[in-house]
Amino acid sequence: MGGLVSVFDLGESPVVRVLQGNYIQVGFAGFAVAYLFWQGDWDRYVKIRWPTLEDVGWIVGLPLLFAAQGVVLPPVLAAVGLPHPQPGTGMEQLALETRPLLWPVAFIGMYLFAAPAEELVYRGIVQGRLRAAFDTFGVVILGGLLFGVMHFLVGLMTQGVSFGGSLYWGIDTVIPGLAWGYAYERTENLLVPAVTHAMVWTIALHEIVLHVLPV
């Protein structure tokens, strides 16, 4: 293992740091499996299928929304005194364009495990439960707010992240939470939020926008 780390220069890789730090997704996966075996209603909570054209439209469109958010929101939050959280908390995009050999690691860790585990809990189970008491609007709003609150609490428990950084993290994740929640209500396909969630971790689209647009 040490030889592989040395050959591929993985020791300080953001991929390895994030994979090692994403213990919360292991917890999500464990909770989801336990809950599903307890409830037994897999069809209600695990809605996944091959993507339709509408699904593909969401998969293409959501990252563009998040790219716009990445350009607009940070200056706004900075203006009100909220600092960006410290690197290494799982929030940063992975610089895979400079290390293409790490894509298989990121694909397995992010696209096949971490993002599906988190989306199964929040979109599959949480929104699945909320549907019993709320309409679509209520489900999306409550689901998005809960998603932001969870990230705020994780920030508070993350070493090196200040209260302001935690609040930044919470606010910054409400918008994706709302977007993924609405997309899931429209498509009823966990593949849509899971793929675009993993894209947020692996592709810095907002940086591409900043390089292309004269802003």
N, C-alpha and C. Protein backbone atom coordinates (compact mmCIF):
# COMPACT_ATOMS: atom_id res chain seq x y z
N MET A 1 0.83 -1.21 0.00
CA MET A 1 0.00 0.00 0.00
C MET A 1 0.86 1.26 0.00
N GLY A 2 1.91 1.24 0.81
CA GLY A 2 2.80 2.39 0.86
C GLY A 2 3.43 2.65 -0.48
N GLY A 3 3.76 1.56 -1.23
CA GLY A 3 4.34 1.73 -2.55
C GLY A 3 3.39 2.41 -3.51
N LEU A 4 2.10 2.01 -3.46
CA LEU A 4 1.10 2.63 -4.33
C LEU A 4 0.93 4.10 -4.00
N VAL A 5 0.91 4.41 -2.70
CA VAL A 5 0.77 5.80 -2.28
C VAL A 5 1.92 6.62 -2.81
N SER A 6 3.16 6.03 -2.77
CA SER A 6 4.33 6.75 -3.23
C SER A 6 4.31 6.93 -4.74
N VAL A 7 3.97 5.84 -5.48
CA VAL A 7 3.99 5.89 -6.93
C VAL A 7 3.00 6.91 -7.46
N PHE A 8 1.79 6.91 -6.91
CA PHE A 8 0.75 7.80 -7.42
C PHE A 8 0.67 9.12 -6.67
N ASP A 9 1.61 9.33 -5.74
CA ASP A 9 1.63 10.58 -4.97
C ASP A 9 0.30 10.82 -4.29
N LEU A 10 -0.18 9.80 -3.57
CA LEU A 10 -1.49 9.87 -2.95
C LEU A 10 -1.46 10.40 -1.54
N GLY A 11 -0.28 10.47 -0.95
CA GLY A 11 -0.21 10.81 0.47
C GLY A 11 -0.89 12.10 0.81
N GLU A 12 -0.70 13.14 -0.02
CA GLU A 12 -1.32 14.44 0.25
C GLU A 12 -2.47 14.71 -0.72
N SER A 13 -2.94 13.68 -1.40
CA SER A 13 -3.99 13.87 -2.38
C SER A 13 -5.29 14.29 -1.72
N PRO A 14 -6.01 15.27 -2.30
CA PRO A 14 -7.33 15.62 -1.78
C PRO A 14 -8.28 14.44 -1.82
N VAL A 15 -8.14 13.56 -2.83
CA VAL A 15 -9.00 12.39 -2.92
C VAL A 15 -8.87 11.55 -1.67
N VAL A 16 -7.62 11.23 -1.30
CA VAL A 16 -7.39 10.38 -0.14
C VAL A 16 -7.85 11.09 1.13
N ARG A 17 -7.58 12.39 1.24
CA ARG A 17 -8.01 13.13 2.44
C ARG A 17 -9.52 13.09 2.59
N VAL A 18 -10.23 13.29 1.49
CA VAL A 18 -11.68 13.30 1.57
C VAL A 18 -12.23 11.91 1.83
N LEU A 19 -11.67 10.90 1.16
CA LEU A 19 -12.14 9.54 1.39
C LEU A 19 -11.91 9.13 2.84
N GLN A 20 -10.77 9.51 3.40
CA GLN A 20 -10.49 9.17 4.78
C GLN A 20 -11.39 9.95 5.73
N GLY A 21 -11.80 11.15 5.33
CA GLY A 21 -12.59 11.98 6.23
C GLY A 21 -14.09 11.78 6.11
N ASN A 22 -14.52 11.01 5.11
CA ASN A 22 -15.96 10.86 4.89
C ASN A 22 -16.55 9.72 5.71
N TYR A 23 -16.18 9.67 7.00
CA TYR A 23 -16.75 8.64 7.85
C TYR A 23 -18.25 8.83 8.01
N ILE A 24 -18.72 10.05 7.86
CA ILE A 24 -20.15 10.31 8.02
C ILE A 24 -20.95 9.55 6.97
N GLN A 25 -20.39 9.39 5.75
CA GLN A 25 -21.10 8.63 4.74
C GLN A 25 -21.17 7.14 5.09
N VAL A 26 -20.16 6.65 5.80
CA VAL A 26 -20.24 5.28 6.29
C VAL A 26 -21.40 5.16 7.27
N GLY A 27 -21.55 6.18 8.13
CA GLY A 27 -22.68 6.20 9.05
C GLY A 27 -24.00 6.27 8.32
N PHE A 28 -24.07 7.10 7.26
CA PHE A 28 -25.29 7.18 6.46
C PHE A 28 -25.64 5.81 5.88
N ALA A 29 -24.63 5.15 5.31
CA ALA A 29 -24.88 3.85 4.70
C ALA A 29 -25.36 2.84 5.73
N GLY A 30 -24.71 2.81 6.90
CA GLY A 30 -25.13 1.89 7.95
C GLY A 30 -26.54 2.17 8.42
N PHE A 31 -26.86 3.46 8.62
CA PHE A 31 -28.21 3.83 9.04
C PHE A 31 -29.24 3.43 8.00
N ALA A 32 -28.93 3.73 6.72
CA ALA A 32 -29.89 3.43 5.65
C ALA A 32 -30.18 1.94 5.56
N VAL A 33 -29.13 1.13 5.60
CA VAL A 33 -29.33 -0.32 5.51
C VAL A 33 -30.14 -0.83 6.69
N ALA A 34 -29.78 -0.37 7.91
CA ALA A 34 -30.51 -0.81 9.10
C ALA A 34 -31.97 -0.38 9.03
N TYR A 35 -32.21 0.86 8.61
CA TYR A 35 -33.58 1.36 8.54
C TYR A 35 -34.39 0.59 7.51
N LEU A 36 -33.78 0.32 6.36
CA LEU A 36 -34.50 -0.38 5.31
C LEU A 36 -34.83 -1.81 5.71
N PHE A 37 -33.92 -2.48 6.39
CA PHE A 37 -34.21 -3.83 6.86
C PHE A 37 -35.28 -3.81 7.95
N TRP A 38 -35.28 -2.76 8.75
CA TRP A 38 -36.28 -2.64 9.81
C TRP A 38 -37.67 -2.35 9.24
N GLN A 39 -37.74 -1.39 8.29
CA GLN A 39 -39.02 -1.02 7.70
C GLN A 39 -39.48 -2.01 6.62
N GLY A 40 -38.52 -2.47 5.83
CA GLY A 40 -38.84 -3.45 4.80
C GLY A 40 -39.47 -2.88 3.53
N ASP A 41 -39.77 -1.58 3.51
CA ASP A 41 -40.44 -0.98 2.35
C ASP A 41 -39.41 -0.39 1.39
N TRP A 42 -38.66 -1.25 0.73
CA TRP A 42 -37.57 -0.80 -0.13
C TRP A 42 -38.08 0.00 -1.33
N ASP A 43 -39.23 -0.40 -1.89
CA ASP A 43 -39.75 0.31 -3.06
C ASP A 43 -40.11 1.76 -2.74
N ARG A 44 -40.47 2.03 -1.49
CA ARG A 44 -40.84 3.39 -1.10
C ARG A 44 -39.62 4.30 -0.98
N TYR A 45 -38.52 3.74 -0.50
CA TYR A 45 -37.36 4.57 -0.16
C TYR A 45 -36.21 4.46 -1.16
N VAL A 46 -36.13 3.37 -1.89
CA VAL A 46 -35.02 3.17 -2.83
C VAL A 46 -35.57 3.20 -4.25
N LYS A 47 -35.67 4.40 -4.79
CA LYS A 47 -36.20 4.58 -6.14
C LYS A 47 -35.03 4.89 -7.07
N ILE A 48 -34.63 3.91 -7.85
CA ILE A 48 -33.50 4.10 -8.75
C ILE A 48 -33.73 3.29 -10.02
N ARG A 49 -33.38 3.86 -11.14
CA ARG A 49 -33.57 3.22 -12.45
C ARG A 49 -32.64 3.89 -13.46
N TRP A 50 -32.63 3.33 -14.66
CA TRP A 50 -31.86 3.95 -15.72
C TRP A 50 -32.44 5.33 -16.02
N PRO A 51 -31.59 6.31 -16.31
CA PRO A 51 -32.08 7.68 -16.51
C PRO A 51 -32.88 7.85 -17.79
N THR A 52 -33.94 8.64 -17.70
CA THR A 52 -34.71 9.05 -18.86
C THR A 52 -34.10 10.34 -19.41
N LEU A 53 -34.67 10.85 -20.50
CA LEU A 53 -34.19 12.12 -21.04
C LEU A 53 -34.37 13.25 -20.04
N GLU A 54 -35.49 13.22 -19.29
CA GLU A 54 -35.70 14.24 -18.26
C GLU A 54 -34.63 14.13 -17.18
N ASP A 55 -34.31 12.90 -16.79
CA ASP A 55 -33.26 12.71 -15.78
C ASP A 55 -31.93 13.28 -16.27
N VAL A 56 -31.60 13.00 -17.52
CA VAL A 56 -30.35 13.52 -18.08
C VAL A 56 -30.36 15.04 -18.08
N GLY A 57 -31.51 15.63 -18.37
CA GLY A 57 -31.62 17.08 -18.32
C GLY A 57 -31.31 17.63 -16.94
N TRP A 58 -31.81 16.96 -15.91
CA TRP A 58 -31.50 17.38 -14.54
C TRP A 58 -30.01 17.19 -14.23
N ILE A 59 -29.44 16.07 -14.69
CA ILE A 59 -28.03 15.80 -14.42
C ILE A 59 -27.14 16.84 -15.08
N VAL A 60 -27.55 17.34 -16.23
CA VAL A 60 -26.79 18.40 -16.91
C VAL A 60 -27.07 19.77 -16.29
N GLY A 61 -28.32 20.02 -15.96
CA GLY A 61 -28.72 21.34 -15.50
C GLY A 61 -28.32 21.68 -14.08
N LEU A 62 -28.42 20.71 -13.17
CA LEU A 62 -28.11 20.99 -11.77
C LEU A 62 -26.67 21.47 -11.56
N PRO A 63 -25.67 20.83 -12.18
CA PRO A 63 -24.30 21.35 -12.01
C PRO A 63 -24.14 22.79 -12.48
N LEU A 64 -24.90 23.20 -13.49
CA LEU A 64 -24.83 24.59 -13.95
C LEU A 64 -25.38 25.53 -12.88
N LEU A 65 -26.45 25.11 -12.20
CA LEU A 65 -26.98 25.89 -11.09
C LEU A 65 -25.95 26.02 -9.98
N PHE A 66 -25.30 24.89 -9.65
CA PHE A 66 -24.31 24.91 -8.58
C PHE A 66 -23.08 25.73 -8.96
N ALA A 67 -22.74 25.72 -10.27
CA ALA A 67 -21.63 26.55 -10.73
C ALA A 67 -21.95 28.02 -10.53
N ALA A 68 -23.18 28.41 -10.86
CA ALA A 68 -23.60 29.80 -10.65
C ALA A 68 -23.57 30.14 -9.16
N GLN A 69 -24.02 29.21 -8.34
CA GLN A 69 -23.98 29.43 -6.89
C GLN A 69 -22.55 29.63 -6.41
N GLY A 70 -21.63 28.83 -6.96
CA GLY A 70 -20.23 28.93 -6.56
C GLY A 70 -19.58 30.24 -6.95
N VAL A 71 -20.14 30.92 -7.95
CA VAL A 71 -19.63 32.22 -8.36
C VAL A 71 -20.27 33.35 -7.54
N VAL A 72 -21.57 33.25 -7.30
CA VAL A 72 -22.33 34.35 -6.69
C VAL A 72 -22.30 34.33 -5.17
N LEU A 73 -22.50 33.15 -4.57
CA LEU A 73 -22.72 33.10 -3.12
C LEU A 73 -21.49 33.42 -2.27
N PRO A 74 -20.28 32.91 -2.58
CA PRO A 74 -19.13 33.20 -1.72
C PRO A 74 -18.86 34.68 -1.49
N PRO A 75 -18.90 35.54 -2.52
CA PRO A 75 -18.69 36.97 -2.24
C PRO A 75 -19.77 37.56 -1.34
N VAL A 76 -21.00 37.07 -1.48
CA VAL A 76 -22.09 37.57 -0.64
C VAL A 76 -21.85 37.18 0.81
N LEU A 77 -21.50 35.92 1.05
CA LEU A 77 -21.25 35.47 2.41
C LEU A 77 -20.01 36.15 2.99
N ALA A 78 -19.00 36.36 2.16
CA ALA A 78 -17.80 37.06 2.63
C ALA A 78 -18.13 38.50 3.03
N ALA A 79 -19.05 39.11 2.31
CA ALA A 79 -19.42 40.50 2.60
C ALA A 79 -20.11 40.64 3.95
N VAL A 80 -20.76 39.57 4.41
CA VAL A 80 -21.43 39.62 5.72
C VAL A 80 -20.57 38.99 6.82
N GLY A 81 -19.31 38.71 6.47
CA GLY A 81 -18.37 38.26 7.49
C GLY A 81 -18.31 36.78 7.74
N LEU A 82 -18.80 35.97 6.80
CA LEU A 82 -18.73 34.52 6.97
C LEU A 82 -17.56 33.98 6.16
N PRO A 83 -16.53 33.43 6.83
CA PRO A 83 -15.36 32.92 6.12
C PRO A 83 -15.63 31.56 5.51
N HIS A 84 -14.91 31.28 4.43
CA HIS A 84 -15.00 29.94 3.85
C HIS A 84 -14.36 28.95 4.82
N PRO A 85 -14.98 27.76 5.03
CA PRO A 85 -14.39 26.77 5.93
C PRO A 85 -12.99 26.36 5.49
N GLN A 86 -12.24 25.85 6.44
CA GLN A 86 -10.87 25.43 6.17
C GLN A 86 -10.86 24.26 5.19
N PRO A 87 -9.81 24.15 4.34
CA PRO A 87 -9.67 22.99 3.46
C PRO A 87 -9.56 21.72 4.28
N GLY A 88 -9.90 20.60 3.62
CA GLY A 88 -9.74 19.31 4.27
C GLY A 88 -10.95 18.85 5.03
N THR A 89 -12.08 19.56 4.91
CA THR A 89 -13.28 19.18 5.63
C THR A 89 -14.23 18.37 4.78
N GLY A 90 -13.83 18.05 3.56
CA GLY A 90 -14.71 17.33 2.67
C GLY A 90 -15.51 18.25 1.76
N MET A 91 -15.28 19.56 1.86
CA MET A 91 -16.06 20.51 1.09
C MET A 91 -15.41 20.87 -0.23
N GLU A 92 -14.10 20.70 -0.32
CA GLU A 92 -13.41 21.18 -1.51
C GLU A 92 -13.60 20.21 -2.67
N GLN A 93 -13.59 20.76 -3.90
CA GLN A 93 -13.61 19.90 -5.06
C GLN A 93 -12.24 19.26 -5.22
N LEU A 94 -12.20 18.13 -5.87
CA LEU A 94 -10.96 17.38 -6.01
C LEU A 94 -10.30 17.76 -7.33
N ALA A 95 -9.01 18.07 -7.28
CA ALA A 95 -8.29 18.54 -8.47
C ALA A 95 -7.93 17.37 -9.37
N LEU A 96 -8.96 16.70 -9.89
CA LEU A 96 -8.73 15.51 -10.69
C LEU A 96 -8.21 15.83 -12.08
N GLU A 97 -8.42 17.07 -12.54
CA GLU A 97 -7.92 17.42 -13.86
C GLU A 97 -6.40 17.39 -13.91
N THR A 98 -5.75 17.52 -12.76
CA THR A 98 -4.29 17.47 -12.72
C THR A 98 -3.78 16.08 -12.35
N ARG A 99 -4.67 15.19 -11.95
CA ARG A 99 -4.28 13.83 -11.57
C ARG A 99 -5.30 12.84 -12.12
N PRO A 100 -5.32 12.64 -13.42
CA PRO A 100 -6.35 11.78 -14.02
C PRO A 100 -6.30 10.33 -13.54
N LEU A 101 -5.12 9.88 -13.07
CA LEU A 101 -5.04 8.50 -12.58
C LEU A 101 -5.87 8.29 -11.32
N LEU A 102 -6.28 9.36 -10.68
CA LEU A 102 -7.07 9.23 -9.46
C LEU A 102 -8.57 9.15 -9.72
N TRP A 103 -8.98 9.28 -10.98
CA TRP A 103 -10.40 9.21 -11.27
C TRP A 103 -11.03 7.89 -10.83
N PRO A 104 -10.38 6.73 -11.04
CA PRO A 104 -11.01 5.49 -10.55
C PRO A 104 -11.25 5.50 -9.05
N VAL A 105 -10.30 6.08 -8.28
CA VAL A 105 -10.47 6.18 -6.84
C VAL A 105 -11.68 7.05 -6.51
N ALA A 106 -11.75 8.20 -7.17
CA ALA A 106 -12.86 9.12 -6.92
C ALA A 106 -14.18 8.51 -7.35
N PHE A 107 -14.17 7.79 -8.47
CA PHE A 107 -15.42 7.21 -8.97
C PHE A 107 -15.98 6.20 -7.99
N ILE A 108 -15.11 5.32 -7.50
CA ILE A 108 -15.57 4.30 -6.55
C ILE A 108 -16.00 4.95 -5.24
N GLY A 109 -15.15 5.83 -4.73
CA GLY A 109 -15.42 6.41 -3.42
C GLY A 109 -16.58 7.38 -3.41
N MET A 110 -16.68 8.23 -4.44
CA MET A 110 -17.68 9.29 -4.45
C MET A 110 -18.95 8.90 -5.19
N TYR A 111 -18.80 8.38 -6.42
CA TYR A 111 -19.96 8.11 -7.26
C TYR A 111 -20.67 6.82 -6.89
N LEU A 112 -19.94 5.83 -6.41
CA LEU A 112 -20.56 4.54 -6.10
C LEU A 112 -20.85 4.34 -4.62
N PHE A 113 -20.27 5.18 -3.74
CA PHE A 113 -20.53 4.99 -2.32
C PHE A 113 -21.01 6.25 -1.61
N ALA A 114 -20.15 7.26 -1.49
CA ALA A 114 -20.45 8.39 -0.61
C ALA A 114 -21.71 9.14 -1.02
N ALA A 115 -21.79 9.57 -2.28
CA ALA A 115 -22.96 10.32 -2.73
C ALA A 115 -24.24 9.48 -2.69
N PRO A 116 -24.23 8.23 -3.19
CA PRO A 116 -25.45 7.43 -3.07
C PRO A 116 -25.89 7.20 -1.62
N ALA A 117 -24.93 7.01 -0.70
CA ALA A 117 -25.29 6.80 0.70
C ALA A 117 -25.98 8.03 1.27
N GLU A 118 -25.42 9.21 1.01
CA GLU A 118 -26.01 10.44 1.55
C GLU A 118 -27.36 10.73 0.92
N GLU A 119 -27.47 10.52 -0.38
CA GLU A 119 -28.73 10.79 -1.06
C GLU A 119 -29.80 9.77 -0.69
N LEU A 120 -29.42 8.54 -0.43
CA LEU A 120 -30.39 7.53 0.01
C LEU A 120 -31.03 7.96 1.32
N VAL A 121 -30.23 8.51 2.23
CA VAL A 121 -30.77 8.96 3.51
C VAL A 121 -31.65 10.19 3.33
N TYR A 122 -31.11 11.22 2.68
CA TYR A 122 -31.83 12.50 2.65
C TYR A 122 -32.96 12.54 1.63
N ARG A 123 -32.72 12.07 0.43
CA ARG A 123 -33.77 12.09 -0.56
C ARG A 123 -34.65 10.85 -0.44
N GLY A 124 -34.05 9.68 -0.29
CA GLY A 124 -34.84 8.46 -0.24
C GLY A 124 -35.64 8.32 1.04
N ILE A 125 -34.94 8.30 2.18
CA ILE A 125 -35.61 8.01 3.45
C ILE A 125 -36.27 9.25 4.05
N VAL A 126 -35.52 10.35 4.20
CA VAL A 126 -36.09 11.54 4.84
C VAL A 126 -37.25 12.09 4.02
N GLN A 127 -37.04 12.31 2.72
CA GLN A 127 -38.14 12.82 1.92
C GLN A 127 -39.26 11.80 1.78
N GLY A 128 -38.90 10.52 1.77
CA GLY A 128 -39.93 9.50 1.73
C GLY A 128 -40.83 9.55 2.95
N ARG A 129 -40.25 9.83 4.11
CA ARG A 129 -41.04 9.97 5.33
C ARG A 129 -41.84 11.28 5.33
N LEU A 130 -41.23 12.36 4.87
CA LEU A 130 -41.91 13.65 4.86
C LEU A 130 -43.14 13.65 3.96
N ARG A 131 -43.12 12.84 2.91
CA ARG A 131 -44.26 12.78 1.99
C ARG A 131 -45.55 12.37 2.69
N ALA A 132 -45.42 11.64 3.80
CA ALA A 132 -46.62 11.19 4.51
C ALA A 132 -47.36 12.33 5.18
N ALA A 133 -46.68 13.47 5.40
CA ALA A 133 -47.30 14.57 6.14
C ALA A 133 -47.34 15.89 5.37
N PHE A 134 -46.57 16.01 4.29
CA PHE A 134 -46.46 17.29 3.59
C PHE A 134 -46.65 17.11 2.09
N ASP A 135 -47.02 18.22 1.43
CA ASP A 135 -47.07 18.20 -0.02
C ASP A 135 -45.66 18.38 -0.58
N THR A 136 -45.55 18.41 -1.90
CA THR A 136 -44.22 18.48 -2.53
C THR A 136 -43.44 19.71 -2.07
N PHE A 137 -44.12 20.86 -1.99
CA PHE A 137 -43.44 22.08 -1.57
C PHE A 137 -42.87 21.92 -0.16
N GLY A 138 -43.67 21.40 0.75
CA GLY A 138 -43.21 21.21 2.12
C GLY A 138 -42.07 20.22 2.22
N VAL A 139 -42.17 19.14 1.45
CA VAL A 139 -41.12 18.12 1.45
C VAL A 139 -39.79 18.72 1.00
N VAL A 140 -39.82 19.48 -0.09
CA VAL A 140 -38.59 20.06 -0.64
C VAL A 140 -38.00 21.08 0.31
N ILE A 141 -38.83 21.97 0.86
CA ILE A 141 -38.32 23.01 1.76
C ILE A 141 -37.75 22.40 3.03
N LEU A 142 -38.50 21.52 3.67
CA LEU A 142 -38.01 20.91 4.91
C LEU A 142 -36.78 20.05 4.66
N GLY A 143 -36.80 19.28 3.56
CA GLY A 143 -35.64 18.45 3.24
C GLY A 143 -34.40 19.28 3.00
N GLY A 144 -34.53 20.39 2.27
CA GLY A 144 -33.39 21.26 2.00
C GLY A 144 -32.85 21.91 3.26
N LEU A 145 -33.76 22.36 4.14
CA LEU A 145 -33.32 22.98 5.39
C LEU A 145 -32.63 21.97 6.30
N LEU A 146 -33.17 20.76 6.38
CA LEU A 146 -32.54 19.73 7.19
C LEU A 146 -31.15 19.39 6.66
N PHE A 147 -31.01 19.39 5.35
CA PHE A 147 -29.72 19.12 4.73
C PHE A 147 -28.70 20.19 5.13
N GLY A 148 -29.12 21.46 5.11
CA GLY A 148 -28.23 22.53 5.53
C GLY A 148 -27.90 22.47 7.01
N VAL A 149 -28.89 22.18 7.85
CA VAL A 149 -28.65 22.09 9.29
C VAL A 149 -27.66 20.97 9.60
N MET A 150 -27.80 19.84 8.91
CA MET A 150 -26.89 18.73 9.13
C MET A 150 -25.45 19.14 8.83
N HIS A 151 -25.24 19.86 7.73
CA HIS A 151 -23.89 20.28 7.38
C HIS A 151 -23.36 21.33 8.35
N PHE A 152 -24.24 22.18 8.86
CA PHE A 152 -23.84 23.14 9.89
C PHE A 152 -23.35 22.40 11.13
N LEU A 153 -24.09 21.38 11.56
CA LEU A 153 -23.70 20.61 12.75
C LEU A 153 -22.40 19.85 12.52
N VAL A 154 -22.24 19.29 11.32
CA VAL A 154 -20.99 18.60 11.00
C VAL A 154 -19.83 19.58 11.05
N GLY A 155 -20.04 20.80 10.56
CA GLY A 155 -19.00 21.81 10.62
C GLY A 155 -18.60 22.12 12.05
N LEU A 156 -19.59 22.20 12.95
CA LEU A 156 -19.29 22.46 14.36
C LEU A 156 -18.43 21.36 14.97
N MET A 157 -18.59 20.14 14.47
CA MET A 157 -17.85 19.00 15.01
C MET A 157 -16.54 18.75 14.29
N THR A 158 -16.24 19.57 13.26
CA THR A 158 -15.03 19.38 12.46
C THR A 158 -13.90 20.24 13.00
N GLN A 159 -12.79 19.61 13.32
CA GLN A 159 -11.65 20.34 13.86
C GLN A 159 -11.14 21.36 12.85
N GLY A 160 -10.87 22.57 13.33
CA GLY A 160 -10.32 23.61 12.47
C GLY A 160 -11.36 24.46 11.76
N VAL A 161 -12.65 24.13 11.92
CA VAL A 161 -13.71 24.91 11.29
C VAL A 161 -14.39 25.76 12.36
N SER A 162 -14.41 27.06 12.15
CA SER A 162 -15.00 27.99 13.12
C SER A 162 -16.52 27.94 13.07
N PHE A 163 -17.16 28.64 14.01
CA PHE A 163 -18.62 28.74 13.99
C PHE A 163 -19.08 29.42 12.70
N GLY A 164 -18.37 30.50 12.31
CA GLY A 164 -18.71 31.17 11.07
C GLY A 164 -18.55 30.28 9.86
N GLY A 165 -17.48 29.47 9.86
CA GLY A 165 -17.28 28.53 8.77
C GLY A 165 -18.37 27.47 8.72
N SER A 166 -18.80 27.02 9.90
CA SER A 166 -19.89 26.04 9.97
C SER A 166 -21.18 26.64 9.44
N LEU A 167 -21.44 27.91 9.81
CA LEU A 167 -22.64 28.58 9.32
C LEU A 167 -22.57 28.76 7.81
N TYR A 168 -21.39 29.10 7.30
CA TYR A 168 -21.18 29.20 5.85
C TYR A 168 -21.53 27.87 5.20
N TRP A 169 -21.00 26.79 5.76
CA TRP A 169 -21.25 25.46 5.20
C TRP A 169 -22.74 25.16 5.18
N GLY A 170 -23.43 25.47 6.28
CA GLY A 170 -24.86 25.21 6.35
C GLY A 170 -25.64 25.98 5.30
N ILE A 171 -25.36 27.28 5.17
CA ILE A 171 -26.06 28.10 4.19
C ILE A 171 -25.74 27.64 2.77
N ASP A 172 -24.48 27.34 2.53
CA ASP A 172 -24.02 26.95 1.20
C ASP A 172 -24.65 25.64 0.74
N THR A 173 -25.05 24.79 1.68
CA THR A 173 -25.62 23.49 1.30
C THR A 173 -27.14 23.48 1.25
N VAL A 174 -27.79 24.54 1.72
CA VAL A 174 -29.25 24.60 1.63
C VAL A 174 -29.71 24.62 0.17
N ILE A 175 -29.03 25.42 -0.65
CA ILE A 175 -29.44 25.53 -2.06
C ILE A 175 -29.32 24.19 -2.79
N PRO A 176 -28.18 23.48 -2.70
CA PRO A 176 -28.14 22.15 -3.30
C PRO A 176 -29.19 21.21 -2.71
N GLY A 177 -29.42 21.31 -1.39
CA GLY A 177 -30.42 20.46 -0.76
C GLY A 177 -31.80 20.68 -1.36
N LEU A 178 -32.16 21.94 -1.56
CA LEU A 178 -33.45 22.26 -2.19
C LEU A 178 -33.50 21.76 -3.63
N ALA A 179 -32.40 21.97 -4.36
CA ALA A 179 -32.36 21.57 -5.78
C ALA A 179 -32.44 20.06 -5.93
N TRP A 180 -31.64 19.33 -5.14
CA TRP A 180 -31.69 17.88 -5.21
C TRP A 180 -33.05 17.35 -4.77
N GLY A 181 -33.61 17.99 -3.74
CA GLY A 181 -34.91 17.55 -3.26
C GLY A 181 -35.99 17.71 -4.31
N TYR A 182 -36.00 18.86 -4.99
CA TYR A 182 -37.00 19.09 -6.02
C TYR A 182 -36.77 18.16 -7.21
N ALA A 183 -35.51 17.99 -7.59
CA ALA A 183 -35.21 17.09 -8.71
C ALA A 183 -35.67 15.67 -8.41
N TYR A 184 -35.47 15.25 -7.16
CA TYR A 184 -35.90 13.89 -6.80
C TYR A 184 -37.42 13.77 -6.81
N GLU A 185 -38.12 14.81 -6.35
CA GLU A 185 -39.58 14.76 -6.38
C GLU A 185 -40.09 14.71 -7.82
N ARG A 186 -39.39 15.35 -8.73
CA ARG A 186 -39.81 15.35 -10.13
C ARG A 186 -39.49 14.03 -10.82
N THR A 187 -38.30 13.50 -10.56
CA THR A 187 -37.85 12.33 -11.30
C THR A 187 -38.11 11.01 -10.58
N GLU A 188 -38.18 11.05 -9.26
CA GLU A 188 -38.26 9.83 -8.43
C GLU A 188 -37.16 8.85 -8.82
N ASN A 189 -35.97 9.39 -8.98
CA ASN A 189 -34.82 8.57 -9.35
C ASN A 189 -33.61 9.06 -8.55
N LEU A 190 -33.15 8.25 -7.59
CA LEU A 190 -32.01 8.64 -6.76
C LEU A 190 -30.73 8.83 -7.56
N LEU A 191 -30.69 8.27 -8.75
CA LEU A 191 -29.50 8.42 -9.59
C LEU A 191 -29.22 9.89 -9.89
N VAL A 192 -30.27 10.69 -10.05
CA VAL A 192 -30.10 12.10 -10.41
C VAL A 192 -29.38 12.88 -9.31
N PRO A 193 -29.89 12.90 -8.06
CA PRO A 193 -29.15 13.63 -7.03
C PRO A 193 -27.82 13.00 -6.68
N ALA A 194 -27.72 11.67 -6.76
CA ALA A 194 -26.46 11.01 -6.40
C ALA A 194 -25.33 11.39 -7.36
N VAL A 195 -25.60 11.33 -8.65
CA VAL A 195 -24.57 11.65 -9.65
C VAL A 195 -24.17 13.12 -9.55
N THR A 196 -25.15 14.02 -9.46
CA THR A 196 -24.81 15.44 -9.40
C THR A 196 -24.18 15.82 -8.07
N HIS A 197 -24.51 15.10 -7.01
CA HIS A 197 -23.85 15.33 -5.71
C HIS A 197 -22.37 14.97 -5.82
N ALA A 198 -22.08 13.82 -6.42
CA ALA A 198 -20.68 13.42 -6.60
C ALA A 198 -19.94 14.40 -7.51
N MET A 199 -20.63 14.94 -8.49
CA MET A 199 -20.01 15.92 -9.38
C MET A 199 -19.58 17.17 -8.62
N VAL A 200 -20.37 17.58 -7.64
CA VAL A 200 -20.01 18.74 -6.82
C VAL A 200 -18.68 18.51 -6.13
N TRP A 201 -18.43 17.27 -5.70
CA TRP A 201 -17.19 16.94 -5.00
C TRP A 201 -16.00 16.80 -5.93
N THR A 202 -16.25 16.50 -7.19
CA THR A 202 -15.14 16.12 -8.07
C THR A 202 -14.86 17.08 -9.21
N ILE A 203 -15.80 17.97 -9.53
CA ILE A 203 -15.62 18.87 -10.67
C ILE A 203 -15.88 20.30 -10.21
N ALA A 204 -14.88 21.15 -10.28
CA ALA A 204 -15.01 22.54 -9.83
C ALA A 204 -15.57 23.39 -10.97
N LEU A 205 -16.87 23.22 -11.24
CA LEU A 205 -17.49 23.93 -12.35
C LEU A 205 -17.47 25.44 -12.17
N HIS A 206 -17.60 25.90 -10.92
CA HIS A 206 -17.60 27.35 -10.71
C HIS A 206 -16.26 27.97 -11.09
N GLU A 207 -15.15 27.21 -10.94
CA GLU A 207 -13.85 27.73 -11.34
C GLU A 207 -13.76 27.81 -12.86
N ILE A 208 -14.39 26.85 -13.55
CA ILE A 208 -14.43 26.91 -15.01
C ILE A 208 -15.20 28.15 -15.45
N VAL A 209 -16.33 28.41 -14.78
CA VAL A 209 -17.13 29.59 -15.12
C VAL A 209 -16.32 30.86 -14.92
N LEU A 210 -15.57 30.93 -13.81
CA LEU A 210 -14.78 32.13 -13.52
C LEU A 210 -13.69 32.35 -14.57
N HIS A 211 -13.16 31.25 -15.13
CA HIS A 211 -12.13 31.38 -16.16
C HIS A 211 -12.73 31.79 -17.51
N VAL A 212 -13.98 31.40 -17.75
CA VAL A 212 -14.60 31.67 -19.04
C VAL A 212 -15.25 33.05 -19.08
N LEU A 213 -15.93 33.42 -17.98
CA LEU A 213 -16.67 34.68 -17.97
C LEU A 213 -15.80 35.82 -17.44
N PRO A 214 -15.96 37.00 -17.96
CA PRO A 214 -15.20 38.17 -17.48
C PRO A 214 -15.82 38.74 -16.20
N VAL A 215 -15.75 37.96 -15.10
CA VAL A 215 -16.31 38.43 -13.83
C VAL A 215 -15.21 38.58 -12.81
